PDB file of N, CA and C in Angstrom:
ATOM      1  N   MET A   1     111.257  78.770  83.450  1.00  0.00           N
ATOM      2  CA  MET A   1     110.334  77.688  83.727  1.00  0.00           C
ATOM      3  C   MET A   1     109.986  77.686  85.219  1.00  0.00           C
ATOM      4  N   GLN A   2     108.724  77.487  85.515  1.00  0.00           N
ATOM      5  CA  GLN A   2     108.255  77.491  86.898  1.00  0.00           C
ATOM      6  C   GLN A   2     108.434  76.118  87.536  1.00  0.00           C
ATOM      7  N   PRO A   3     108.698  76.103  88.855  1.00  0.00           N
ATOM      8  CA  PRO A   3     108.765  74.820  89.567  1.00  0.00           C
ATOM      9  C   PRO A   3     107.401  74.121  89.509  1.00  0.00           C
ATOM     10  N   ILE A   4     107.434  72.811  89.575  1.00  0.00           N
ATOM     11  CA  ILE A   4     106.203  72.021  89.497  1.00  0.00           C
ATOM     12  C   ILE A   4     105.197  72.430  90.570  1.00  0.00           C
ATOM     13  N   GLU A   5     105.690  72.815  91.749  1.00  0.00           N
ATOM     14  CA  GLU A   5     104.784  73.224  92.825  1.00  0.00           C
ATOM     15  C   GLU A   5     103.986  74.472  92.436  1.00  0.00           C
ATOM     16  N   MET A   6     104.599  75.396  91.695  1.00  0.00           N
ATOM     17  CA  MET A   6     103.883  76.596  91.249  1.00  0.00           C
ATOM     18  C   MET A   6     102.864  76.246  90.169  1.00  0.00           C
ATOM     19  N   ILE A   7     103.215  75.326  89.306  1.00  0.00           N
ATOM     20  CA  ILE A   7     102.271  74.878  88.276  1.00  0.00           C
ATOM     21  C   ILE A   7     101.062  74.214  88.933  1.00  0.00           C
ATOM     22  N   LEU A   8     101.331  73.360  89.919  1.00  0.00           N
ATOM     23  CA  LEU A   8     100.230  72.715  90.643  1.00  0.00           C
ATOM     24  C   LEU A   8      99.429  73.733  91.449  1.00  0.00           C
ATOM     25  N   GLY A   9     100.117  74.739  92.016  1.00  0.00           N
ATOM     26  CA  GLY A   9      99.428  75.805  92.740  1.00  0.00           C
ATOM     27  C   GLY A   9      98.473  76.561  91.833  1.00  0.00           C
ATOM     28  N   ARG A  10      98.897  76.803  90.603  1.00  0.00           N
ATOM     29  CA  ARG A  10      98.033  77.492  89.635  1.00  0.00           C
ATOM     30  C   ARG A  10      96.812  76.630  89.305  1.00  0.00           C
ATOM     31  N   GLN A  11      97.020  75.347  89.108  1.00  0.00           N
ATOM     32  CA  GLN A  11      95.890  74.453  88.824  1.00  0.00           C
ATOM     33  C   GLN A  11      94.933  74.406  90.003  1.00  0.00           C
ATOM     34  N   PHE A  12      95.484  74.366  91.212  1.00  0.00           N
ATOM     35  CA  PHE A  12      94.656  74.368  92.418  1.00  0.00           C
ATOM     36  C   PHE A  12      93.850  75.667  92.505  1.00  0.00           C
ATOM     37  N   ALA A  13      94.506  76.797  92.307  1.00  0.00           N
ATOM     38  CA  ALA A  13      93.837  78.103  92.370  1.00  0.00           C
ATOM     39  C   ALA A  13      92.741  78.195  91.311  1.00  0.00           C
ATOM     40  N   ASP A  14      93.002  77.643  90.141  1.00  0.00           N
ATOM     41  CA  ASP A  14      92.031  77.713  89.051  1.00  0.00           C
ATOM     42  C   ASP A  14      90.764  76.925  89.371  1.00  0.00           C
ATOM     43  N   SER A  15      90.855  75.948  90.261  1.00  0.00           N
ATOM     44  CA  SER A  15      89.685  75.135  90.610  1.00  0.00           C
ATOM     45  C   SER A  15      88.931  75.671  91.827  1.00  0.00           C
ATOM     46  N   MET A  16      89.454  76.703  92.469  1.00  0.00           N
ATOM     47  CA  MET A  16      88.811  77.230  93.676  1.00  0.00           C
ATOM     48  C   MET A  16      87.670  78.182  93.332  1.00  0.00           C
ATOM     49  N   SER A  17      86.670  78.219  94.205  1.00  0.00           N
ATOM     50  CA  SER A  17      85.512  79.089  93.979  1.00  0.00           C
ATOM     51  C   SER A  17      85.678  80.447  94.649  1.00  0.00           C
ATOM     52  N   MET A  18      86.794  80.660  95.328  1.00  0.00           N
ATOM     53  CA  MET A  18      87.069  81.960  95.945  1.00  0.00           C
ATOM     54  C   MET A  18      88.241  82.612  95.221  1.00  0.00           C
ATOM     55  N   PRO A  19      88.344  83.940  95.274  1.00  0.00           N
ATOM     56  CA  PRO A  19      89.430  84.631  94.583  1.00  0.00           C
ATOM     57  C   PRO A  19      90.801  84.248  95.133  1.00  0.00           C
ATOM     58  N   VAL A  20      91.745  83.995  94.218  1.00  0.00           N
ATOM     59  CA  VAL A  20      93.097  83.583  94.583  1.00  0.00           C
ATOM     60  C   VAL A  20      94.114  84.313  93.706  1.00  0.00           C
ATOM     61  N   PHE A  21      95.205  84.786  94.348  1.00  0.00           N
ATOM     62  CA  PHE A  21      96.386  85.351  93.691  1.00  0.00           C
ATOM     63  C   PHE A  21      97.528  84.377  93.897  1.00  0.00           C
ATOM     64  N   LEU A  22      98.413  84.248  92.935  1.00  0.00           N
ATOM     65  CA  LEU A  22      99.609  83.433  93.066  1.00  0.00           C
ATOM     66  C   LEU A  22     100.790  84.266  92.581  1.00  0.00           C
ATOM     67  N   VAL A  23     101.821  84.396  93.433  1.00  0.00           N
ATOM     68  CA  VAL A  23     103.005  85.183  93.077  1.00  0.00           C
ATOM     69  C   VAL A  23     104.268  84.351  93.279  1.00  0.00           C
ATOM     70  N   ASP A  24     105.310  84.692  92.505  1.00  0.00           N
ATOM     71  CA  ASP A  24     106.585  83.995  92.666  1.00  0.00           C
ATOM     72  C   ASP A  24     107.434  84.686  93.726  1.00  0.00           C
ATOM     73  N   THR A  25     108.660  84.247  93.894  1.00  0.00           N
ATOM     74  CA  THR A  25     109.525  84.775  94.958  1.00  0.00           C
ATOM     75  C   THR A  25     109.859  86.246  94.791  1.00  0.00           C
ATOM     76  N   GLU A  26     109.818  86.743  93.562  1.00  0.00           N
ATOM     77  CA  GLU A  26     110.095  88.156  93.299  1.00  0.00           C
ATOM     78  C   GLU A  26     108.850  89.024  93.467  1.00  0.00           C
ATOM     79  N   GLY A  27     107.708  88.376  93.715  1.00  0.00           N
ATOM     80  CA  GLY A  27     106.460  89.108  93.866  1.00  0.00           C
ATOM     81  C   GLY A  27     105.694  89.287  92.566  1.00  0.00           C
ATOM     82  N   THR A  28     106.186  88.692  91.500  1.00  0.00           N
ATOM     83  CA  THR A  28     105.483  88.789  90.221  1.00  0.00           C
ATOM     84  C   THR A  28     104.194  87.991  90.296  1.00  0.00           C
ATOM     85  N   LEU A  29     103.101  88.657  89.973  1.00  0.00           N
ATOM     86  CA  LEU A  29     101.800  87.995  89.932  1.00  0.00           C
ATOM     87  C   LEU A  29     101.823  87.045  88.747  1.00  0.00           C
ATOM     88  N   VAL A  30     101.786  85.746  89.017  1.00  0.00           N
ATOM     89  CA  VAL A  30     101.858  84.767  87.940  1.00  0.00           C
ATOM     90  C   VAL A  30     100.489  84.218  87.559  1.00  0.00           C
ATOM     91  N   PHE A  31      99.490  84.431  88.427  1.00  0.00           N
ATOM     92  CA  PHE A  31      98.143  83.962  88.101  1.00  0.00           C
ATOM     93  C   PHE A  31      97.131  84.510  89.083  1.00  0.00           C
ATOM     94  N   TYR A  32      95.929  84.795  88.594  1.00  0.00           N
ATOM     95  CA  TYR A  32      94.762  84.952  89.458  1.00  0.00           C
ATOM     96  C   TYR A  32      93.594  84.288  88.771  1.00  0.00           C
ATOM     97  N   ASN A  33      92.698  83.714  89.568  1.00  0.00           N
ATOM     98  CA  ASN A  33      91.632  82.880  89.025  1.00  0.00           C
ATOM     99  C   ASN A  33      90.392  83.690  88.625  1.00  0.00           C
ATOM    100  N   GLU A  34      89.408  82.977  88.083  1.00  0.00           N
ATOM    101  CA  GLU A  34      88.187  83.619  87.584  1.00  0.00           C
ATOM    102  C   GLU A  34      87.422  84.387  88.657  1.00  0.00           C
ATOM    103  N   PRO A  35      87.239  83.847  89.880  1.00  0.00           N
ATOM    104  CA  PRO A  35      86.575  84.651  90.910  1.00  0.00           C
ATOM    105  C   PRO A  35      87.333  85.952  91.223  1.00  0.00           C
ATOM    106  N   ALA A  36      88.659  85.937  91.136  1.00  0.00           N
ATOM    107  CA  ALA A  36      89.433  87.163  91.353  1.00  0.00           C
ATOM    108  C   ALA A  36      89.215  88.143  90.203  1.00  0.00           C
ATOM    109  N   GLU A  37      89.012  87.623  89.003  1.00  0.00           N
ATOM    110  CA  GLU A  37      88.760  88.481  87.840  1.00  0.00           C
ATOM    111  C   GLU A  37      87.528  89.349  88.059  1.00  0.00           C
ATOM    112  N   ALA A  38      86.498  88.782  88.699  1.00  0.00           N
ATOM    113  CA  ALA A  38      85.260  89.525  88.949  1.00  0.00           C
ATOM    114  C   ALA A  38      85.504  90.732  89.852  1.00  0.00           C
ATOM    115  N   ILE A  39      86.415  90.603  90.808  1.00  0.00           N
ATOM    116  CA  ILE A  39      86.720  91.710  91.713  1.00  0.00           C
ATOM    117  C   ILE A  39      87.699  92.688  91.071  1.00  0.00           C
ATOM    118  N   LEU A  40      88.717  92.152  90.386  1.00  0.00           N
ATOM    119  CA  LEU A  40      89.775  93.008  89.836  1.00  0.00           C
ATOM    120  C   LEU A  40      89.354  93.758  88.573  1.00  0.00           C
ATOM    121  N   GLY A  41      88.349  93.248  87.891  1.00  0.00           N
ATOM    122  CA  GLY A  41      87.808  93.986  86.759  1.00  0.00           C
ATOM    123  C   GLY A  41      88.334  93.570  85.401  1.00  0.00           C
ATOM    124  N   LEU A  42      89.325  92.693  85.345  1.00  0.00           N
ATOM    125  CA  LEU A  42      89.846  92.190  84.068  1.00  0.00           C
ATOM    126  C   LEU A  42      90.240  90.734  84.206  1.00  0.00           C
ATOM    127  N   ARG A  43      90.142  90.019  83.096  1.00  0.00           N
ATOM    128  CA  ARG A  43      90.558  88.627  83.077  1.00  0.00           C
ATOM    129  C   ARG A  43      92.078  88.540  83.131  1.00  0.00           C
ATOM    130  N   PHE A  44      92.589  87.462  83.706  1.00  0.00           N
ATOM    131  CA  PHE A  44      94.035  87.288  83.775  1.00  0.00           C
ATOM    132  C   PHE A  44      94.643  87.281  82.377  1.00  0.00           C
ATOM    133  N   GLY A  45      93.921  86.706  81.415  1.00  0.00           N
ATOM    134  CA  GLY A  45      94.408  86.683  80.035  1.00  0.00           C
ATOM    135  C   GLY A  45      94.613  88.079  79.452  1.00  0.00           C
ATOM    136  N   GLU A  46      93.906  89.081  79.993  1.00  0.00           N
ATOM    137  CA  GLU A  46      94.051  90.459  79.520  1.00  0.00           C
ATOM    138  C   GLU A  46      95.195  91.193  80.205  1.00  0.00           C
ATOM    139  N   THR A  47      95.471  90.837  81.459  1.00  0.00           N
ATOM    140  CA  THR A  47      96.535  91.527  82.184  1.00  0.00           C
ATOM    141  C   THR A  47      97.849  90.767  82.122  1.00  0.00           C
ATOM    142  N   GLY A  48      97.778  89.445  82.187  1.00  0.00           N
ATOM    143  CA  GLY A  48      98.988  88.636  82.236  1.00  0.00           C
ATOM    144  C   GLY A  48      99.743  88.860  83.532  1.00  0.00           C
ATOM    145  N   SER A  49     100.966  88.380  83.565  1.00  0.00           N
ATOM    146  CA  SER A  49     101.807  88.547  84.750  1.00  0.00           C
ATOM    147  C   SER A  49     102.106  90.021  84.975  1.00  0.00           C
ATOM    148  N   MET A  50     102.257  90.383  86.265  1.00  0.00           N
ATOM    149  CA  MET A  50     102.584  91.769  86.629  1.00  0.00           C
ATOM    150  C   MET A  50     103.619  91.752  87.744  1.00  0.00           C
ATOM    151  N   PRO A  51     104.630  92.609  87.665  1.00  0.00           N
ATOM    152  CA  PRO A  51     105.578  92.705  88.779  1.00  0.00           C
ATOM    153  C   PRO A  51     104.892  93.308  89.998  1.00  0.00           C
ATOM    154  N   VAL A  52     105.442  93.040  91.192  1.00  0.00           N
ATOM    155  CA  VAL A  52     104.856  93.514  92.445  1.00  0.00           C
ATOM    156  C   VAL A  52     104.681  95.030  92.446  1.00  0.00           C
ATOM    157  N   GLU A  53     105.612  95.753  91.845  1.00  0.00           N
ATOM    158  CA  GLU A  53     105.509  97.216  91.812  1.00  0.00           C
ATOM    159  C   GLU A  53     104.270  97.678  91.056  1.00  0.00           C
ATOM    160  N   GLU A  54     103.812  96.862  90.120  1.00  0.00           N
ATOM    161  CA  GLU A  54     102.623  97.205  89.340  1.00  0.00           C
ATOM    162  C   GLU A  54     101.343  96.776  90.053  1.00  0.00           C
ATOM    163  N   TRP A  55     101.229  95.469  90.402  1.00  0.00           N
ATOM    164  CA  TRP A  55      99.956  95.007  90.971  1.00  0.00           C
ATOM    165  C   TRP A  55      99.696  95.575  92.351  1.00  0.00           C
ATOM    166  N   SER A  56     100.738  95.918  93.099  1.00  0.00           N
ATOM    167  CA  SER A  56     100.523  96.449  94.448  1.00  0.00           C
ATOM    168  C   SER A  56     100.048  97.898  94.426  1.00  0.00           C
ATOM    169  N   THR A  57     100.115  98.540  93.265  1.00  0.00           N
ATOM    170  CA  THR A  57      99.639  99.922  93.160  1.00  0.00           C
ATOM    171  C   THR A  57      98.503 100.086  92.148  1.00  0.00           C
ATOM    172  N   VAL A  58      98.442  99.230  91.127  1.00  0.00           N
ATOM    173  CA  VAL A  58      97.437  99.386  90.084  1.00  0.00           C
ATOM    174  C   VAL A  58      96.017  99.244  90.627  1.00  0.00           C
ATOM    175  N   PHE A  59      95.847  98.468  91.701  1.00  0.00           N
ATOM    176  CA  PHE A  59      94.527  98.282  92.281  1.00  0.00           C
ATOM    177  C   PHE A  59      94.233  99.310  93.375  1.00  0.00           C
ATOM    178  N   THR A  60      95.094 100.307  93.511  1.00  0.00           N
ATOM    179  CA  THR A  60      94.927 101.423  94.432  1.00  0.00           C
ATOM    180  C   THR A  60      94.467 100.976  95.822  1.00  0.00           C
ATOM    181  N   PRO A  61      95.295 100.207  96.535  1.00  0.00           N
ATOM    182  CA  PRO A  61      94.895  99.786  97.884  1.00  0.00           C
ATOM    183  C   PRO A  61      94.908 100.958  98.865  1.00  0.00           C
ATOM    184  N   THR A  62      93.849 101.037  99.672  1.00  0.00           N
ATOM    185  CA  THR A  62      93.756 102.096 100.690  1.00  0.00           C
ATOM    186  C   THR A  62      93.290 101.488 102.006  1.00  0.00           C
ATOM    187  N   ASP A  63      93.576 102.204 103.094  1.00  0.00           N
ATOM    188  CA  ASP A  63      93.087 101.753 104.397  1.00  0.00           C
ATOM    189  C   ASP A  63      91.626 102.144 104.542  1.00  0.00           C
ATOM    190  N   MET A  64      91.064 101.906 105.696  1.00  0.00           N
ATOM    191  CA  MET A  64      89.640 102.159 105.926  1.00  0.00           C
ATOM    192  C   MET A  64      89.282 103.637 105.823  1.00  0.00           C
ATOM    193  N   GLU A  65      90.267 104.519 106.053  1.00  0.00           N
ATOM    194  CA  GLU A  65      90.027 105.965 105.960  1.00  0.00           C
ATOM    195  C   GLU A  65      90.299 106.514 104.551  1.00  0.00           C
ATOM    196  N   GLY A  66      90.694 105.632 103.627  1.00  0.00           N
ATOM    197  CA  GLY A  66      90.951 106.067 102.258  1.00  0.00           C
ATOM    198  C   GLY A  66      92.381 106.506 102.001  1.00  0.00           C
ATOM    199  N   LYS A  67      93.278 106.327 102.987  1.00  0.00           N
ATOM    200  CA  LYS A  67      94.690 106.681 102.800  1.00  0.00           C
ATOM    201  C   LYS A  67      95.387 105.564 102.040  1.00  0.00           C
ATOM    202  N   PRO A  68      96.214 105.916 101.049  1.00  0.00           N
ATOM    203  CA  PRO A  68      96.923 104.888 100.272  1.00  0.00           C
ATOM    204  C   PRO A  68      97.781 103.987 101.159  1.00  0.00           C
ATOM    205  N   LEU A  69      97.734 102.701 100.876  1.00  0.00           N
ATOM    206  CA  LEU A  69      98.572 101.737 101.583  1.00  0.00           C
ATOM    207  C   LEU A  69      99.847 101.520 100.775  1.00  0.00           C
ATOM    208  N   PRO A  70     101.003 101.600 101.423  1.00  0.00           N
ATOM    209  CA  PRO A  70     102.235 101.275 100.704  1.00  0.00           C
ATOM    210  C   PRO A  70     102.274  99.765 100.445  1.00  0.00           C
ATOM    211  N   PRO A  71     103.014  99.324  99.441  1.00  0.00           N
ATOM    212  CA  PRO A  71     103.070  97.885  99.161  1.00  0.00           C
ATOM    213  C   PRO A  71     103.386  97.044 100.395  1.00  0.00           C
ATOM    214  N   GLU A  72     104.285  97.522 101.262  1.00  0.00           N
ATOM    215  CA  GLU A  72     104.651  96.726 102.440  1.00  0.00           C
ATOM    216  C   GLU A  72     103.510  96.597 103.448  1.00  0.00           C
ATOM    217  N   GLY A  73     102.417  97.326 103.255  1.00  0.00           N
ATOM    218  CA  GLY A  73     101.244  97.216 104.111  1.00  0.00           C
ATOM    219  C   GLY A  73     100.281  96.135 103.653  1.00  0.00           C
ATOM    220  N   LEU A  74     100.561  95.498 102.525  1.00  0.00           N
ATOM    221  CA  LEU A  74      99.675  94.471 101.978  1.00  0.00           C
ATOM    222  C   LEU A  74     100.080  93.083 102.469  1.00  0.00           C
ATOM    223  N   PRO A  75      99.109  92.249 102.869  1.00  0.00           N
ATOM    224  CA  PRO A  75      99.432  90.923 103.387  1.00  0.00           C
ATOM    225  C   PRO A  75     100.322  90.092 102.457  1.00  0.00           C
ATOM    226  N   LEU A  76     100.063  90.126 101.165  1.00  0.00           N
ATOM    227  CA  LEU A  76     100.852  89.310 100.240  1.00  0.00           C
ATOM    228  C   LEU A  76     102.301  89.767 100.191  1.00  0.00           C
ATOM    229  N   VAL A  77     102.539  91.058 100.226  1.00  0.00           N
ATOM    230  CA  VAL A  77     103.905  91.578 100.243  1.00  0.00           C
ATOM    231  C   VAL A  77     104.571  91.237 101.579  1.00  0.00           C
ATOM    232  N   GLN A  78     103.821  91.300 102.663  1.00  0.00           N
ATOM    233  CA  GLN A  78     104.363  90.918 103.972  1.00  0.00           C
ATOM    234  C   GLN A  78     104.783  89.444 103.977  1.00  0.00           C
ATOM    235  N   THR A  79     103.978  88.591 103.369  1.00  0.00           N
ATOM    236  CA  THR A  79     104.325  87.171 103.283  1.00  0.00           C
ATOM    237  C   THR A  79     105.587  86.968 102.460  1.00  0.00           C
ATOM    238  N   LEU A  80     105.715  87.687 101.365  1.00  0.00           N
ATOM    239  CA  LEU A  80     106.920  87.570 100.553  1.00  0.00           C
ATOM    240  C   LEU A  80     108.155  88.038 101.316  1.00  0.00           C
ATOM    241  N   THR A  81     107.986  89.080 102.106  1.00  0.00           N
ATOM    242  CA  THR A  81     109.104  89.640 102.855  1.00  0.00           C
ATOM    243  C   THR A  81     109.507  88.754 104.032  1.00  0.00           C
ATOM    244  N   ASN A  82     108.511  88.286 104.794  1.00  0.00           N
ATOM    245  CA  ASN A  82     108.773  87.555 106.036  1.00  0.00           C
ATOM    246  C   ASN A  82     108.690  86.042 105.912  1.00  0.00           C
ATOM    247  N   ARG A  83     108.141  85.581 104.785  1.00  0.00           N
ATOM    248  CA  ARG A  83     107.912  84.155 104.567  1.00  0.00           C
ATOM    249  C   ARG A  83     107.032  83.545 105.662  1.00  0.00           C
ATOM    250  N   LYS A  84     106.055  84.352 106.108  1.00  0.00           N
ATOM    251  CA  LYS A  84     105.094  83.922 107.121  1.00  0.00           C
ATOM    252  C   LYS A  84     103.692  84.326 106.662  1.00  0.00           C
ATOM    253  N   PRO A  85     102.659  83.615 107.116  1.00  0.00           N
ATOM    254  CA  PRO A  85     101.294  84.003 106.765  1.00  0.00           C
ATOM    255  C   PRO A  85     100.980  85.418 107.255  1.00  0.00           C
ATOM    256  N   ALA A  86     100.091  86.090 106.530  1.00  0.00           N
ATOM    257  CA  ALA A  86      99.656  87.439 106.906  1.00  0.00           C
ATOM    258  C   ALA A  86      98.176  87.576 106.567  1.00  0.00           C
ATOM    259  N   HIS A  87      97.527  88.544 107.208  1.00  0.00           N
ATOM    260  CA  HIS A  87      96.079  88.718 107.046  1.00  0.00           C
ATOM    261  C   HIS A  87      95.749  90.196 107.218  1.00  0.00           C
ATOM    262  N   GLY A  88      94.781  90.685 106.473  1.00  0.00           N
ATOM    263  CA  GLY A  88      94.359  92.068 106.648  1.00  0.00           C
ATOM    264  C   GLY A  88      93.188  92.424 105.756  1.00  0.00           C
ATOM    265  N   SER A  89      92.554  93.546 106.068  1.00  0.00           N
ATOM    266  CA  SER A  89      91.429  94.070 105.289  1.00  0.00           C
ATOM    267  C   SER A  89      91.772  95.461 104.798  1.00  0.00           C
ATOM    268  N   PHE A  90      91.366  95.777 103.586  1.00  0.00           N
ATOM    269  CA  PHE A  90      91.609  97.085 103.003  1.00  0.00           C
ATOM    270  C   PHE A  90      90.722  97.247 101.774  1.00  0.00           C
ATOM    271  N   TYR A  91      90.681  98.443 101.251  1.00  0.00           N
ATOM    272  CA  TYR A  91      89.914  98.724 100.035  1.00  0.00           C
ATOM    273  C   TYR A  91      90.838  98.677  98.821  1.00  0.00           C
ATOM    274  N   ILE A  92      90.292  98.232  97.698  1.00  0.00           N
ATOM    275  CA  ILE A  92      90.989  98.359  96.426  1.00  0.00           C
ATOM    276  C   ILE A  92      90.042  99.031  95.439  1.00  0.00           C
ATOM    277  N   LYS A  93      90.618  99.694  94.484  1.00  0.00           N
ATOM    278  CA  LYS A  93      89.855 100.194  93.346  1.00  0.00           C
ATOM    279  C   LYS A  93      90.277  99.325  92.179  1.00  0.00           C
ATOM    280  N   ASN A  94      89.318  98.628  91.589  1.00  0.00           N
ATOM    281  CA  ASN A  94      89.690  97.697  90.531  1.00  0.00           C
ATOM    282  C   ASN A  94      89.959  98.440  89.219  1.00  0.00           C
ATOM    283  N   LEU A  95      90.261  97.668  88.188  1.00  0.00           N
ATOM    284  CA  LEU A  95      90.638  98.260  86.909  1.00  0.00           C
ATOM    285  C   LEU A  95      89.470  98.911  86.179  1.00  0.00           C
ATOM    286  N   LYS A  96      88.239  98.723  86.699  1.00  0.00           N
ATOM    287  CA  LYS A  96      87.060  99.395  86.150  1.00  0.00           C
ATOM    288  C   LYS A  96      86.701 100.628  86.974  1.00  0.00           C
ATOM    289  N   GLY A  97      87.490 100.902  88.029  1.00  0.00           N
ATOM    290  CA  GLY A  97      87.236 102.060  88.882  1.00  0.00           C
ATOM    291  C   GLY A  97      86.281 101.789  90.024  1.00  0.00           C
ATOM    292  N   GLU A  98      85.872 100.533  90.229  1.00  0.00           N
ATOM    293  CA  GLU A  98      84.952 100.173  91.310  1.00  0.00           C
ATOM    294  C   GLU A  98      85.738  99.939  92.598  1.00  0.00           C
ATOM    295  N   ARG A  99      85.200 100.401  93.715  1.00  0.00           N
ATOM    296  CA  ARG A  99      85.860 100.254  95.010  1.00  0.00           C
ATOM    297  C   ARG A  99      85.294  99.041  95.743  1.00  0.00           C
ATOM    298  N   HIS A 100      86.194  98.188  96.264  1.00  0.00           N
ATOM    299  CA  HIS A 100      85.799  96.967  96.966  1.00  0.00           C
ATOM    300  C   HIS A 100      86.562  96.850  98.281  1.00  0.00           C
ATOM    301  N   LEU A 101      85.865  96.498  99.333  1.00  0.00           N
ATOM    302  CA  LEU A 101      86.502  96.141 100.596  1.00  0.00           C
ATOM    303  C   LEU A 101      86.834  94.656 100.523  1.00  0.00           C
ATOM    304  N   ILE A 102      88.120  94.317 100.686  1.00  0.00           N
ATOM    305  CA  ILE A 102      88.521  92.922 100.647  1.00  0.00           C
ATOM    306  C   ILE A 102      89.282  92.556 101.923  1.00  0.00           C
ATOM    307  N   THR A 103      89.209  91.293 102.263  1.00  0.00           N
ATOM    308  CA  THR A 103      89.987  90.731 103.362  1.00  0.00           C
ATOM    309  C   THR A 103      90.872  89.660 102.747  1.00  0.00           C
ATOM    310  N   VAL A 104      92.167  89.742 103.033  1.00  0.00           N
ATOM    311  CA  VAL A 104      93.160  88.876 102.395  1.00  0.00           C
ATOM    312  C   VAL A 104      93.888  88.033 103.433  1.00  0.00           C
ATOM    313  N   THR A 105      94.047  86.759 103.132  1.00  0.00           N
ATOM    314  CA  THR A 105      94.899  85.864 103.902  1.00  0.00           C
ATOM    315  C   THR A 105      95.931  85.309 102.928  1.00  0.00           C
ATOM    316  N   SER A 106      97.209  85.515 103.252  1.00  0.00           N
ATOM    317  CA  SER A 106      98.271  85.027 102.374  1.00  0.00           C
ATOM    318  C   SER A 106      99.186  84.085 103.155  1.00  0.00           C
ATOM    319  N   PHE A 107      99.816  83.182 102.418  1.00  0.00           N
ATOM    320  CA  PHE A 107     100.727  82.226 103.046  1.00  0.00           C
ATOM    321  C   PHE A 107     101.831  81.857 102.060  1.00  0.00           C
ATOM    322  N   PRO A 108     103.019  81.528 102.595  1.00  0.00           N
ATOM    323  CA  PRO A 108     104.140  81.179 101.718  1.00  0.00           C
ATOM    324  C   PRO A 108     103.947  79.800 101.096  1.00  0.00           C
ATOM    325  N   LEU A 109     104.532  79.620  99.920  1.00  0.00           N
ATOM    326  CA  LEU A 109     104.569  78.322  99.253  1.00  0.00           C
ATOM    327  C   LEU A 109     106.008  77.831  99.297  1.00  0.00           C
ATOM    328  N   GLU A 110     106.189  76.632  99.805  1.00  0.00           N
ATOM    329  CA  GLU A 110     107.530  76.082  99.929  1.00  0.00           C
ATOM    330  C   GLU A 110     107.591  74.695  99.320  1.00  0.00           C
ATOM    331  N   GLY A 111     108.682  74.450  98.603  1.00  0.00           N
ATOM    332  CA  GLY A 111     108.964  73.116  98.081  1.00  0.00           C
ATOM    333  C   GLY A 111     109.932  72.434  99.029  1.00  0.00           C
ATOM    334  N   ARG A 112     110.213  71.223  98.765  1.00  0.00           N
ATOM    335  CA  ARG A 112     111.161  70.488  99.595  1.00  0.00           C
ATOM    336  C   ARG A 112     112.491  70.427  98.881  1.00  0.00           C
ATOM    337  N   PRO A 113     113.599  70.501  99.552  1.00  0.00           N
ATOM    338  CA  PRO A 113     113.767  70.766 100.977  1.00  0.00           C
ATOM    339  C   PRO A 113     113.894  72.255 101.238  1.00  0.00           C
ATOM    340  N   ASN A 114     112.965  72.823 101.951  1.00  0.00           N
ATOM    341  CA  ASN A 114     112.990  74.217 102.404  1.00  0.00           C
ATOM    342  C   ASN A 114     113.283  75.223 101.292  1.00  0.00           C
ATOM    343  N   ARG A 115     112.601  75.081 100.147  1.00  0.00           N
ATOM    344  CA  ARG A 115     112.764  76.022  99.027  1.00  0.00           C
ATOM    345  C   ARG A 115     111.565  76.957  99.012  1.00  0.00           C
ATOM    346  N   PHE A 116     111.829  78.232  99.151  1.00  0.00           N
ATOM    347  CA  PHE A 116     110.762  79.231  99.079  1.00  0.00           C
ATOM    348  C   PHE A 116     110.414  79.449  97.610  1.00  0.00           C
ATOM    349  N   LEU A 117     109.133  79.307  97.257  1.00  0.00           N
ATOM    350  CA  LEU A 117     108.698  79.369  95.864  1.00  0.00           C
ATOM    351  C   LEU A 117     107.830  80.578  95.534  1.00  0.00           C
ATOM    352  N   GLY A 118     107.265  81.209  96.562  1.00  0.00           N
ATOM    353  CA  GLY A 118     106.364  82.327  96.343  1.00  0.00           C
ATOM    354  C   GLY A 118     105.278  82.334  97.400  1.00  0.00           C
ATOM    355  N   ALA A 119     104.109  82.841  97.023  1.00  0.00           N
ATOM    356  CA  ALA A 119     103.019  82.929  97.987  1.00  0.00           C
ATOM    357  C   ALA A 119     101.674  82.850  97.272  1.00  0.00           C
ATOM    358  N   MET A 120     100.669  82.464  98.058  1.00  0.00           N
ATOM    359  CA  MET A 120      99.293  82.423  97.574  1.00  0.00           C
ATOM    360  C   MET A 120      98.459  83.281  98.508  1.00  0.00           C
ATOM    361  N   ALA A 121      97.517  84.005  97.925  1.00  0.00           N
ATOM    362  CA  ALA A 121      96.607  84.823  98.723  1.00  0.00           C
ATOM    363  C   ALA A 121      95.176  84.470  98.362  1.00  0.00           C
ATOM    364  N   LEU A 122      94.382  84.252  99.389  1.00  0.00           N
ATOM    365  CA  LEU A 122      92.947  84.038  99.246  1.00  0.00           C
ATOM    366  C   LEU A 122      92.276  85.307  99.718  1.00  0.00           C
ATOM    367  N   PHE A 123      91.254  85.761  99.004  1.00  0.00           N
ATOM    368  CA  PHE A 123      90.594  86.961  99.493  1.00  0.00           C
ATOM    369  C   PHE A 123      89.096  86.916  99.326  1.00  0.00           C
ATOM    370  N   TRP A 124      88.454  87.649 100.211  1.00  0.00           N
ATOM    371  CA  TRP A 124      87.016  87.759 100.273  1.00  0.00           C
ATOM    372  C   TRP A 124      86.626  89.191  99.975  1.00  0.00           C
ATOM    373  N   ASN A 125      85.548  89.352  99.239  1.00  0.00           N
ATOM    374  CA  ASN A 125      85.048  90.671  98.897  1.00  0.00           C
ATOM    375  C   ASN A 125      83.743  90.878  99.645  1.00  0.00           C
ATOM    376  N   SER A 126      83.731  91.814 100.588  1.00  0.00           N
ATOM    377  CA  SER A 126      82.513  92.030 101.368  1.00  0.00           C
ATOM    378  C   SER A 126      81.433  92.758 100.584  1.00  0.00           C
ATOM    379  N   ASN A 127      81.752  93.249  99.370  1.00  0.00           N
ATOM    380  CA  ASN A 127      80.756  93.915  98.541  1.00  0.00           C
ATOM    381  C   ASN A 127      79.864  92.930  97.808  1.00  0.00           C
ATOM    382  N   PHE A 128      80.320  91.667  97.729  1.00  0.00           N
ATOM    383  CA  PHE A 128      79.514  90.659  97.028  1.00  0.00           C
ATOM    384  C   PHE A 128      78.493  90.079  97.969  1.00  0.00           C
ATOM    385  N   SER A 129      77.336  89.726  97.438  1.00  0.00           N
ATOM    386  CA  SER A 129      76.312  89.090  98.264  1.00  0.00           C
ATOM    387  C   SER A 129      76.400  87.596  98.145  1.00  0.00           C
TER     388      SER A 129
END
């Protein structure tokens, strides 16, 4: 069972007009919203939850020169590791094979008193008009 803060985080993400990822403390992708579906190429209902080892590689993240980024190079993984906000830009290849340049800002989610619950990432796709 998820903490109430994660449930509320999912509801908040679902109401946002920008793409959002929500992960738990282990890095398991527990939700992404409809705007994120447009970039990732599949609805969350089709993919469901994914462990960090899967989502951090399935979208084939690369740097600006096309070199593969290791999971620890991704802002969301950095936030999970350091429990601090992170930001960065990189390319992903979505599940339809389309390449997108995205900019990601991630931040930790904490409950009271000082309970680390996971992280949320907001991202922008520069390929969209």
